[in-house]
Amino acid sequence: MTTAEALSVIPAAVLRNLSDKLYEKRKNAALELEGIVKHLTSAGDHDKINAVISLLSQEYTYSPQAHNRKGGLIGLAAVTVGLTSDAAQHLKQIVPPVLHSFSHQDSRVRYYACEALYNIAKVVRGDFIVFFNQIFDALCKLAADSDANVQSAAHLLDRLVKDIVTESEQFSIEEFIPLLRERMNVLNPHVRQFLVGWITVLDSVPDIDMLGFLPDFLDGLFNMLSDSSHEIRQQADSALSEFLQEIKNSPSVDYGRMAEILVQRAGSQDEFTRLTSIIWINEFVKLGGDQLVPYYADILGAILPCISDKEEKIRVVSRETNDELRAIEADPAEGFDVGAILSVARRQLSSEWEATRIESLHWMWTLLNGHRSEVLVFLNDVFDTLLRALSDPSDEVVLLVLEVHACIAEDPQHFRQLVVFLVHSFQHDHSLLEKRGALIIRRLCVLLNAERVYRELSTILEGESDLDFASVMVQALNLILLTSPELSDLREDLKQSLVKDAGRDLLLSLYTSWCHSPMAMISLCLLAQSYQHASSVIQSLVEEDINVKFLVQLHKLIHLLETPTFAYLRLQLLEPGRYIWLLKALYGLLMLLPQQSAAFKILRTRLKTVPSYSFKEEKVARTSSGIPFFNGGGGLQISEDGNPNENSHDIHNGINFGSRLKHFKQIQQQHRLHLKSETQSRFSSASSMKEL
């Protein structure tokens, strides 16, 4: 049918009124048009109906004149009403021009487009579904319209479309989801409300499986949780809560795809988004089972930072989730990626938050105990990080790091690597040795056997070329040895060094490295009850050795002699005749101390308490000051174990103290030469600066 033929069935007055600026005239023209179409429908003359629709579309709806467009829209709606049950076959002609008018710049045109589509939808109902995606897209845009009347009209249309969709069997959720997913990224609050409304409605329809497509729009819902509008946040949260409940009751859920989204959202800057994400992850860990095994590393990466969140609720749920995850017994054969989880723990060990670092270490320890062989494959990737963590400002972190190291160091090569790095770290960071040295070494002694640790440390320090560091390190180890409760067994073994093989071997293993510090050597000899050798060491000291550092160390030793560690030594002073070399060693120390020092007064007071009576043939006299002294001329010599012997041999229980003393003197000579060289170097530098 041509336009002329269409004009023949529509009176000119009707066509003129359709484009009138007055709404009433357009409305009356539409009613007349409705009657004409009804008549044509009754007659079955669909060719003329097509011509009428074509005329309204081309000449009116697509006209650049706003009044023409308005007339065309109301006319198309009237045609649809006139067609009644036959309208479905003409929808492909009727609906597109109406949808096109939704984007017109004139708000009144957009308003009448909503009105026209509303009337069309009321007539065709379910047949309308074929245009659903186009209508949804148009409504989505109109939801953000700048005109309040257009928004209101669009809202009414939206409600009608929802009613039609919920009762329709032709609606295709599969075709709709891609459009929904695309629109979920829109930030306009009106559009967001529109989208959440549709998601909620569709989810309420029993025959529509929105849960199955949740991964497609889940991220968009989470994105809305940080919206500035409280109402939108509330609506999004309500929708998410409903979906979470459905997940709990559903036997089949795609946890994997959603887990990826939740992991990303758990790192959101928005507190409410983080909390909701962590709550979902918590439920997923409980419900997901084998499906989540490949995602454990990603989930852990999301949980660990949240353990230190500023919001208490997030911290509580994160800790609960972390505990749930760690309690799961997963098998690498089933997709449990030990390397990936270890990598996450290593990365989080560098977190600025202590709680996160602590949990990272708990994970490393758990993996080592449950999957040791798999962890050791990746050891090179984490070992350096673990070693650096020994400098962590938190004592709790350091203690946990040591536990992990101890677990790794069950293998000899890793034990050696650990101790070597420790010595290296102490050498390059003296503050670490001062602040944490005792803590680290004491804890390692508990975890890895004190004797094993001290033997290894001593072996490493024997060949240390940095003499200053070797001296400082030995002094630190010596102080720990003398004072730490954890090393009490080691001290007991050393006390038996002159009578038992175990004590002798231990003393010999420490001796060479202890030569780097005269005061450490003297302490070791006193602890090992090698009093004659202690006296010999003291007698070997020369003027250069008696410096401020030496006197500070001597001051500490004198105070230590008054502690329970050396109670046995003080009791031996009750038998001065039997332990004459002990007396000689102590008097030697006294002679090295400045008389006005506190240490001198402490030691002199102690020596005054030594009994004045003598034992056997030894002659112990007392000076006028009250301090006892021994008469060495012509008397019997006393061996290290306190038994009288005719000759003073240098070998006791297989220990050649003569050769040991010689070695001590050699090492000390090296220290003296080193000190002299440094002094000359500083003097030369100072002179050069003056010349400049």
Foldseek 3Di string as FASTA:
>chain_A
DALVLLCVLQDPLLLVQLLDPDPVSLLVSLQVLLVSLLVCLVVVVVVSLLSNLVCLQPVALPDPRLSSNLSSLSNLLSNLNSNQPNNLVCCVSRLPSLLVQCPDPDLVSVLSSLVSVQSNCVRHQQSCQVCVQSLLVSLLVQLLDPDPSSNVSSVVSLVSNLVSVLPYPPHDPVVNLVSLLVQLPDQDPSSLVSSLVSLVSQVPRPVRCVQAVCLSNVLSLLVQCPRPDPVSVVSSVVSVVVSLVVVVVDPDHQLVSVLVSLLVQCPDPDPRSVLVSLVSLLVCLVPVPLNCQLVLLSSLLSLLVQCQDPDPSSVVSSVNSLVSSLPDDDDVVSNNDLPSNLVSLLVQCPPPDPSSVLSSLVSLLSCCVRPVVNVVVCCVVRVVSLLVQCQPPDLSSNLSSLLSQLSVPVDPVSVLVNLVSVLVVCVVDVVCCVPPVLVNLLSNCVSPPNLVSLLSNQVVLLPDPPLVSLQVVLLSVLVSCLDPPSNPVVLVLLLCLQPDPSNVVSCVSNLSSLLSYLLSNLSSCVSSLQLLLSLVSLVLDDDVNLDPVNQVSLLVVLVSCPDPSVPVVLVCLQACQLSVSNVSNLVSSLVSHDCPDPSNVSSQVSQLPRDQDHPDPWHWHADPVSGIHTDPPPDFDHGSVRHTDNDHACAGPRDRSVVSSVSSSVSVVVVVVVVVVVVVVVVVVVVVVVVD
